Amino acid sequence: MSHDSADRDDTDELADLAAELVAIPTENPPGDERPCAEFVVDWFAERDIDASLVEKPSAERAQAVAQVGDPDAGPTLVLNGHLDVVPAGDPDQWSHDPFAGTVEDGRLYGRGSADMKTNVAVAMLAVRDLAEEIEEGNLDGSLVFHGAMGEETGDPGTRTLIEEGYGGDLAVVLEPTDFRVGTSAKGVATFRVGVSGSASHASRPDQGVNAIDAARPVLAAVEEYDRRVRERTDPLVGRAYATVTEFEAGTDSNMAVLADRAEFLLDRRVLPDETFAEVEDEIETLLAGVARESGVETDLTLVQHYASAGISPDHSLAERFRGLSAELADAPADPWGLEAATDAREFVARGTPAIIWGPGELAQAHTADEHVELDDAALGLQILTEAARGVLSEG
């Protein structure tokens, strides 16, 4: 969806900055965010805005932060974005070079254009545009900018920034939501489940135990578990799910040998009113039941965990962004939540109210020919600047 634009000069400046960010490859994995973080810090420094690299949790994957104002003089609002992008995949599937930052017909193309380097640029420009008002004392409090590492793979980038003292009283996580205001988001727990067998030649299959066959009752139990958890729903983020996303067996052996081990990934989408401990207990109970009924022993390893997060849909921060987005971008004004996990969880877990909001369409994330409408991005800059000004003027 495209909306009427803000000033054309703003659109051009934003397009240039976002294109420069897209042109710095930060695919995760492996996650080479440092060059992009250095670019961001230099950009702020050239505008006399206090900025620095944070070399935790990884110097090779350094993060960028910037600060304007006095946190003791009023509220601190954090504008949070991540610098990493998912891998671009097969370049033949793209009609534009994924790391060229191509602007064509009012759109910026490239990996990370929607998710979420354009919104990183929006946040950078908002901090710059408000810096003079804050420094002159016309606005109270402060702004903090985050250019975080590792969001796409659950690395503790944003968490580390908060722990290092770059937190705040309120936060906006600038994911592409097409101007809708997300006040809650699902979590996810990804487990690796292992099933053992015993190898034998495929010409004598009865001498061994095929781990692929042994996995069948486990997969059937997961399918039944998924059917049950789908009955759990949240009014903003939808259903819970339990989905097998990867299965591997026998790939490191001779093709004529029974697999002696099978492994699969179980992706469990977690609702805001569910806890990780409860989910983990459910999975362990599920596998113990398979062992009792089928004699199949399994092992379980946690791969990653993103906590769910939620604040009241009526929080003043949400209401402010919801009202401006409805007025200026004709965005829906009803309460809403995201089915995907975001770094908002890192703020909410520490008692900081956070919303998920930004221009751009989430459906563009991770796709070939990923793109963002630049008029929308410029409108997003206008809304973010006005909303941040409102937060700080009430400090």
Protein backbone atom coordinates (compact mmCIF):
# COMPACT_ATOMS: atom_id res chain seq x y z
CA MET A 1 0.00 0.00 0.00
CA SER A 2 1.30 3.45 -0.88
CA HIS A 3 0.22 6.61 0.89
CA ASP A 4 0.50 10.28 -0.01
CA SER A 5 4.03 11.45 0.59
CA ALA A 6 5.58 14.02 2.84
CA ASP A 7 8.00 16.55 1.34
CA ARG A 8 9.81 15.36 -1.84
CA ASP A 9 13.19 16.52 -0.52
CA ASP A 10 12.66 14.38 2.58
CA THR A 11 11.88 11.42 0.34
CA ASP A 12 15.06 11.90 -1.69
CA GLU A 13 17.29 12.30 1.37
CA LEU A 14 15.76 9.28 3.03
CA ALA A 15 16.07 7.23 -0.16
CA ASP A 16 19.77 8.05 -0.44
CA LEU A 17 20.50 7.13 3.18
CA ALA A 18 18.45 3.92 3.09
CA ALA A 19 20.10 2.90 -0.19
CA GLU A 20 23.55 3.39 1.36
CA LEU A 21 22.56 1.13 4.27
CA VAL A 22 21.16 -1.55 1.96
CA ALA A 23 24.39 -1.48 -0.07
CA ILE A 24 26.37 -2.61 3.01
CA PRO A 25 25.84 -6.41 3.13
CA THR A 26 24.94 -7.62 6.64
CA GLU A 27 23.56 -11.08 5.93
CA ASN A 28 22.88 -13.12 9.03
CA PRO A 29 24.22 -15.72 9.10
CA PRO A 30 27.07 -14.95 9.35
CA GLY A 31 26.11 -11.47 10.53
CA ASP A 32 28.82 -9.03 9.52
CA GLU A 33 27.17 -5.96 11.02
CA ARG A 34 30.28 -4.01 11.99
CA PRO A 35 30.83 -2.12 8.68
CA CYS A 36 27.21 -0.96 8.75
CA ALA A 37 27.48 0.03 12.42
CA GLU A 38 30.62 2.03 11.63
CA PHE A 39 28.79 3.81 8.81
CA VAL A 40 25.94 4.74 11.17
CA VAL A 41 28.29 6.02 13.89
CA ASP A 42 30.26 8.11 11.35
CA TRP A 43 27.00 9.52 9.95
CA PHE A 44 25.92 10.73 13.38
CA ALA A 45 29.39 12.03 14.25
CA GLU A 46 29.45 14.14 11.07
CA ARG A 47 26.29 15.84 12.39
CA ASP A 48 27.74 16.43 15.89
CA ILE A 49 25.49 13.82 17.47
CA ASP A 50 27.01 11.64 20.18
CA ALA A 51 27.35 8.11 18.80
CA SER A 52 29.53 5.09 19.44
CA LEU A 53 30.18 1.47 18.61
CA VAL A 54 29.23 -1.15 21.17
CA GLU A 55 31.53 -4.12 20.79
CA LYS A 56 29.44 -6.41 22.96
CA PRO A 57 28.40 -9.17 22.62
CA SER A 58 30.81 -9.31 19.66
CA ALA A 59 33.47 -6.90 18.37
CA GLU A 60 33.22 -8.42 14.89
CA ARG A 61 29.50 -7.74 14.95
CA ALA A 62 29.58 -4.34 16.63
CA GLN A 63 26.41 -2.35 17.19
CA ALA A 64 25.67 1.37 16.80
CA VAL A 65 24.10 3.69 19.35
CA ALA A 66 23.43 7.42 19.41
CA GLN A 67 22.04 9.72 22.09
CA VAL A 68 20.60 13.23 22.18
CA GLY A 69 19.45 15.12 25.28
CA ASP A 70 19.45 14.65 29.04
CA PRO A 71 17.75 11.53 30.38
CA ASP A 72 17.39 13.25 33.77
CA ALA A 73 15.33 16.07 32.26
CA GLY A 74 12.43 13.94 31.07
CA PRO A 75 11.52 10.65 29.42
CA THR A 76 13.96 8.73 27.25
CA LEU A 77 12.49 7.32 24.06
CA VAL A 78 14.42 4.53 22.33
CA LEU A 79 14.18 4.13 18.56
CA ASN A 80 15.24 0.55 17.94
CA GLY A 81 16.24 -1.04 14.64
CA HIS A 82 18.40 -3.98 13.65
CA LEU A 83 21.24 -3.89 11.14
CA ASP A 84 21.30 -7.56 10.14
CA VAL A 85 19.29 -8.97 7.25
CA VAL A 86 18.44 -12.51 6.23
CA PRO A 87 20.54 -14.01 3.40
CA ALA A 88 19.56 -12.83 -0.07
CA GLY A 89 19.48 -16.37 -1.47
CA ASP A 90 19.76 -17.13 -5.16
CA PRO A 91 20.60 -13.86 -6.97
CA ASP A 92 18.95 -15.23 -10.11
CA GLN A 93 15.61 -14.92 -8.32
CA TRP A 94 16.11 -11.16 -8.06
CA SER A 95 15.48 -8.70 -10.87
CA HIS A 96 17.65 -6.17 -8.99
CA ASP A 97 21.01 -6.73 -7.31
CA PRO A 98 20.02 -7.36 -3.67
CA PHE A 99 22.87 -5.17 -2.42
CA ALA A 100 22.87 -2.37 -4.98
CA GLY A 101 20.26 -0.22 -3.23
CA THR A 102 18.41 0.36 -6.49
CA VAL A 103 15.76 3.10 -6.58
CA GLU A 104 13.21 2.67 -9.35
CA ASP A 105 9.66 3.96 -9.80
CA GLY A 106 9.46 5.31 -6.27
CA ARG A 107 10.67 2.10 -4.65
CA LEU A 108 13.92 1.08 -2.99
CA TYR A 109 14.88 -2.50 -3.84
CA GLY A 110 17.32 -4.71 -1.97
CA ARG A 111 17.76 -7.14 0.87
CA GLY A 112 16.80 -5.32 4.03
CA SER A 113 15.00 -2.47 2.26
CA ALA A 114 11.76 -3.34 4.08
CA ASP A 115 13.20 -5.38 6.96
CA MET A 116 14.48 -2.99 8.12
CA LYS A 117 17.23 -0.69 6.91
CA THR A 118 14.85 1.91 5.53
CA ASN A 119 13.35 2.21 8.98
CA VAL A 120 16.85 2.41 10.47
CA ALA A 121 17.33 5.40 8.17
CA VAL A 122 13.98 6.81 9.32
CA ALA A 123 15.14 6.60 12.94
CA MET A 124 18.51 8.20 12.14
CA LEU A 125 16.87 11.14 10.42
CA ALA A 126 14.30 11.56 13.20
CA VAL A 127 17.10 11.81 15.78
CA ARG A 128 18.91 14.36 13.62
CA ASP A 129 15.77 16.41 13.01
CA LEU A 130 14.91 16.60 16.71
CA ALA A 131 18.44 17.07 18.03
CA GLU A 132 18.41 20.89 17.89
CA GLU A 133 15.03 21.17 19.61
CA ILE A 134 16.20 18.83 22.36
CA GLU A 135 19.58 20.49 22.86
CA GLU A 136 17.98 23.97 23.00
CA GLY A 137 15.66 22.79 25.76
CA ASN A 138 12.47 23.04 23.73
CA LEU A 139 11.86 19.34 24.34
CA ASP A 140 12.49 17.47 27.58
CA GLY A 141 14.30 14.20 28.02
CA SER A 142 16.30 12.34 25.40
CA LEU A 143 16.31 10.12 22.35
CA VAL A 144 18.37 6.96 22.05
CA PHE A 145 19.01 5.25 18.72
CA HIS A 146 19.77 1.52 18.42
CA GLY A 147 21.37 -0.12 15.40
CA ALA A 148 21.33 -3.64 16.83
CA MET A 149 22.95 -6.85 15.70
CA GLY A 150 21.56 -10.35 15.39
CA GLU A 151 17.80 -9.82 15.56
CA GLU A 152 17.12 -12.26 12.72
CA THR A 153 18.69 -15.16 14.61
CA GLY A 154 17.78 -14.25 18.18
CA ASP A 155 21.22 -13.01 19.18
CA PRO A 156 21.25 -10.74 22.25
CA GLY A 157 21.99 -7.51 20.41
CA THR A 158 19.20 -5.31 21.72
CA ARG A 159 19.38 -7.02 25.10
CA THR A 160 23.07 -6.16 25.37
CA LEU A 161 22.47 -2.53 24.42
CA ILE A 162 19.91 -2.23 27.20
CA GLU A 163 22.28 -3.92 29.67
CA GLU A 164 25.07 -1.54 28.65
CA GLY A 165 22.95 1.44 29.67
CA TYR A 166 21.27 2.36 26.39
CA GLY A 167 17.75 1.66 27.53
CA GLY A 168 14.91 4.08 28.14
CA ASP A 169 11.45 4.71 29.49
CA LEU A 170 9.63 3.93 26.23
CA ALA A 171 10.63 2.24 22.99
CA VAL A 172 9.56 1.99 19.36
CA VAL A 173 10.77 -1.10 17.49
CA LEU A 174 10.71 0.00 13.86
CA GLU A 175 9.67 -3.16 12.05
CA PRO A 176 7.63 -2.72 8.84
CA THR A 177 3.98 -2.86 9.91
CA ASP A 178 2.41 -0.62 7.23
CA PHE A 179 1.81 1.94 9.99
CA ARG A 180 -0.20 -0.40 12.23
CA VAL A 181 0.71 -0.25 15.90
CA GLY A 182 1.66 -3.61 17.37
CA THR A 183 1.36 -3.90 21.13
CA SER A 184 2.03 -7.62 21.34
CA ALA A 185 3.92 -10.27 19.44
CA LYS A 186 4.22 -14.02 19.50
CA GLY A 187 7.32 -15.68 20.82
CA VAL A 188 8.99 -18.73 19.39
CA ALA A 189 10.86 -21.67 20.86
CA THR A 190 12.82 -23.83 18.42
CA PHE A 191 13.87 -27.29 19.57
CA ARG A 192 16.05 -29.93 17.94
CA VAL A 193 14.65 -33.40 18.52
CA GLY A 194 16.93 -36.39 17.99
CA VAL A 195 15.84 -40.00 17.40
CA SER A 196 18.38 -42.82 17.48
CA GLY A 197 18.47 -46.05 15.50
CA SER A 198 21.19 -48.56 14.64
CA ALA A 199 22.80 -48.73 11.24
CA SER A 200 22.76 -51.78 8.98
CA HIS A 201 23.03 -52.34 5.26
CA ALA A 202 19.79 -51.71 3.38
CA SER A 203 20.04 -55.25 1.97
CA ARG A 204 19.59 -56.52 5.54
CA PRO A 205 17.25 -53.93 7.09
CA ASP A 206 15.99 -56.23 9.86
CA GLN A 207 19.45 -56.31 11.41
CA GLY A 208 19.24 -52.63 12.34
CA VAL A 209 16.76 -50.00 13.42
CA ASN A 210 16.01 -47.33 10.86
CA ALA A 211 15.93 -44.00 12.67
CA ILE A 212 13.56 -42.70 10.00
CA ASP A 213 11.01 -45.35 10.93
CA ALA A 214 11.63 -44.72 14.63
CA ALA A 215 10.83 -41.05 14.08
CA ARG A 216 7.36 -41.75 12.68
CA PRO A 217 5.50 -42.01 16.02
CA VAL A 218 7.34 -38.91 17.23
CA LEU A 219 6.22 -36.93 14.20
CA ALA A 220 2.67 -38.24 14.61
CA ALA A 221 2.66 -37.09 18.22
CA VAL A 222 3.87 -33.64 17.16
CA GLU A 223 1.09 -33.45 14.57
CA GLU A 224 -1.48 -34.24 17.25
CA TYR A 225 0.12 -31.72 19.60
CA ASP A 226 -0.10 -29.06 16.88
CA ARG A 227 -3.78 -29.81 16.45
CA ARG A 228 -4.34 -29.20 20.17
CA VAL A 229 -2.30 -26.03 20.52
CA ARG A 230 -4.00 -24.46 17.49
CA GLU A 231 -7.09 -24.27 19.69
CA ARG A 232 -5.26 -21.68 21.79
CA THR A 233 -5.69 -18.18 20.42
CA ASP A 234 -4.87 -14.61 21.33
CA PRO A 235 -7.16 -11.81 20.11
CA LEU A 236 -4.22 -9.82 18.69
CA VAL A 237 -1.63 -12.34 17.50
CA GLY A 238 -3.75 -15.34 16.54
CA ARG A 239 -3.09 -19.05 17.08
CA ALA A 240 -0.31 -21.04 18.68
CA TYR A 241 1.46 -23.52 16.40
CA ALA A 242 3.85 -26.47 16.61
CA THR A 243 5.50 -27.10 13.24
CA VAL A 244 8.31 -29.35 12.01
CA THR A 245 10.47 -27.13 9.82
CA GLU A 246 13.44 -29.39 9.04
CA PHE A 247 14.10 -33.14 8.97
CA GLU A 248 17.48 -34.80 8.46
CA ALA A 249 18.51 -38.45 8.48
CA GLY A 250 21.13 -40.55 6.76
CA THR A 251 22.67 -37.65 4.89
CA ASP A 252 26.19 -38.26 6.19
CA SER A 253 26.22 -41.99 5.38
CA ASN A 254 26.24 -44.36 2.44
CA MET A 255 22.97 -44.33 0.53
CA ALA A 256 22.62 -48.08 1.08
CA VAL A 257 22.84 -47.86 4.89
CA LEU A 258 19.95 -47.43 7.30
CA ALA A 259 20.03 -44.10 9.13
CA ASP A 260 21.33 -44.51 12.65
CA ARG A 261 20.01 -41.09 13.70
CA ALA A 262 17.25 -38.71 12.65
CA GLU A 263 16.86 -35.10 13.75
CA PHE A 264 14.16 -32.54 13.20
CA LEU A 265 13.47 -28.96 14.20
CA LEU A 266 10.26 -28.21 16.05
CA ASP A 267 9.09 -24.60 15.80
CA ARG A 268 6.65 -23.72 18.59
CA ARG A 269 4.94 -20.32 18.32
CA VAL A 270 4.26 -18.99 21.79
CA LEU A 271 1.32 -16.76 22.74
CA PRO A 272 1.71 -13.80 25.11
CA ASP A 273 -0.07 -15.62 27.93
CA GLU A 274 2.14 -18.72 27.61
CA THR A 275 5.52 -19.03 29.28
CA PHE A 276 8.61 -20.70 27.88
CA ALA A 277 8.78 -22.99 30.92
CA GLU A 278 5.24 -24.21 30.22
CA VAL A 279 6.02 -24.83 26.57
CA GLU A 280 9.23 -26.69 27.34
CA ASP A 281 7.39 -28.85 29.86
CA GLU A 282 4.73 -29.67 27.25
CA ILE A 283 7.37 -30.80 24.73
CA GLU A 284 9.19 -32.91 27.30
CA THR A 285 5.90 -34.51 28.39
CA LEU A 286 5.02 -35.18 24.75
CA LEU A 287 8.30 -37.00 24.09
CA ALA A 288 8.06 -38.95 27.34
CA GLY A 289 4.62 -40.14 26.24
CA VAL A 290 6.02 -41.38 22.92
CA ALA A 291 8.72 -43.28 24.79
CA ARG A 292 6.14 -45.01 26.99
CA GLU A 293 3.78 -45.90 24.16
CA SER A 294 6.22 -46.70 21.34
CA GLY A 295 9.52 -47.35 23.06
CA VAL A 296 11.21 -44.61 21.00
CA GLU A 297 13.78 -42.65 22.98
CA THR A 298 14.53 -39.07 21.99
CA ASP A 299 16.81 -36.25 23.04
CA LEU A 300 15.81 -32.60 23.13
CA THR A 301 17.94 -29.47 22.68
CA LEU A 302 16.82 -25.85 22.70
CA VAL A 303 18.09 -24.06 19.59
CA GLN A 304 16.68 -20.60 20.22
CA HIS A 305 13.99 -18.86 22.19
CA TYR A 306 12.33 -15.52 21.54
CA ALA A 307 9.98 -14.55 24.35
CA SER A 308 6.51 -13.29 23.55
CA ALA A 309 5.83 -9.71 24.53
CA GLY A 310 2.83 -7.51 25.14
CA ILE A 311 1.68 -4.24 26.66
CA SER A 312 -1.80 -2.79 27.05
CA PRO A 313 -3.26 -1.76 23.69
CA ASP A 314 -4.41 1.41 25.48
CA HIS A 315 -0.92 2.49 26.53
CA SER A 316 -0.35 6.18 25.79
CA LEU A 317 2.58 5.42 23.45
CA ALA A 318 0.41 3.11 21.37
CA GLU A 319 -2.45 5.59 21.34
CA ARG A 320 -0.16 8.39 20.17
CA PHE A 321 1.23 6.42 17.22
CA ARG A 322 -2.15 4.91 16.42
CA GLY A 323 -3.79 8.33 16.22
CA LEU A 324 -1.10 9.89 14.03
CA SER A 325 -0.96 6.86 11.75
CA ALA A 326 -4.72 6.85 11.30
CA GLU A 327 -4.76 10.59 10.60
CA LEU A 328 -1.77 10.83 8.26
CA ALA A 329 -1.49 7.34 6.74
CA ASP A 330 -5.08 6.13 6.97
CA ALA A 331 -3.86 3.13 8.97
CA PRO A 332 -6.32 0.96 10.93
CA ALA A 333 -6.75 2.26 14.46
CA ASP A 334 -7.82 -1.00 16.09
CA PRO A 335 -5.54 -2.88 18.52
CA TRP A 336 -3.20 -5.27 16.71
CA GLY A 337 -0.36 -7.71 17.30
CA LEU A 338 2.31 -9.49 15.27
CA GLU A 339 2.47 -13.20 14.57
CA ALA A 340 6.27 -12.97 14.36
CA ALA A 341 8.71 -12.35 17.22
CA THR A 342 10.54 -9.01 17.50
CA ASP A 343 13.06 -7.30 19.77
CA ALA A 344 10.18 -5.56 21.56
CA ARG A 345 10.38 -8.51 23.93
CA GLU A 346 13.75 -7.28 25.23
CA PHE A 347 12.22 -4.01 26.39
CA VAL A 348 9.00 -5.45 27.79
CA ALA A 349 10.94 -8.08 29.74
CA ARG A 350 12.72 -5.23 31.54
CA GLY A 351 9.59 -3.25 32.26
CA THR A 352 9.92 -0.78 29.37
CA PRO A 353 6.71 -0.33 27.37
CA ALA A 354 7.45 -0.91 23.67
CA ILE A 355 5.43 -0.85 20.49
CA ILE A 356 6.20 -2.34 17.09
CA TRP A 357 5.55 0.18 14.33
CA GLY A 358 6.91 1.39 11.04
CA PRO A 359 6.33 2.08 7.36
CA GLY A 360 6.80 -0.74 4.88
CA GLU A 361 5.01 -4.05 4.50
CA LEU A 362 5.98 -7.06 6.59
CA ALA A 363 5.00 -9.27 3.64
CA GLN A 364 8.07 -7.91 1.80
CA ALA A 365 10.45 -9.17 4.48
CA HIS A 366 12.73 -12.03 3.42
CA THR A 367 11.40 -12.10 -0.16
CA ALA A 368 13.18 -11.90 -3.51
CA ASP A 369 12.96 -8.36 -4.91
CA GLU A 370 12.26 -7.06 -1.42
CA HIS A 371 11.32 -3.40 -1.64
CA VAL A 372 9.75 -0.46 0.15
CA GLU A 373 7.64 2.43 -1.11
CA LEU A 374 9.74 5.55 -0.54
CA ASP A 375 6.71 7.84 -0.18
CA ASP A 376 5.57 5.64 2.68
CA ALA A 377 9.00 5.79 4.27
CA ALA A 378 9.00 9.61 4.13
CA LEU A 379 5.54 9.66 5.67
CA GLY A 380 6.85 7.34 8.36
CA LEU A 381 9.62 9.82 9.13
CA GLN A 382 7.01 12.57 9.51
CA ILE A 383 4.86 10.48 11.85
CA LEU A 384 7.83 9.26 13.92
CA THR A 385 9.19 12.79 14.32
CA GLU A 386 5.81 14.17 15.37
CA ALA A 387 5.17 11.31 17.77
CA ALA A 388 8.61 11.58 19.36
CA ARG A 389 8.18 15.34 19.68
CA GLY A 390 4.89 14.70 21.46
CA VAL A 391 6.44 12.20 23.88
CA LEU A 392 9.25 14.57 24.81
CA SER A 393 7.08 17.69 25.00
CA GLU A 394 5.04 16.03 27.72
CA GLY A 395 8.13 15.12 29.72
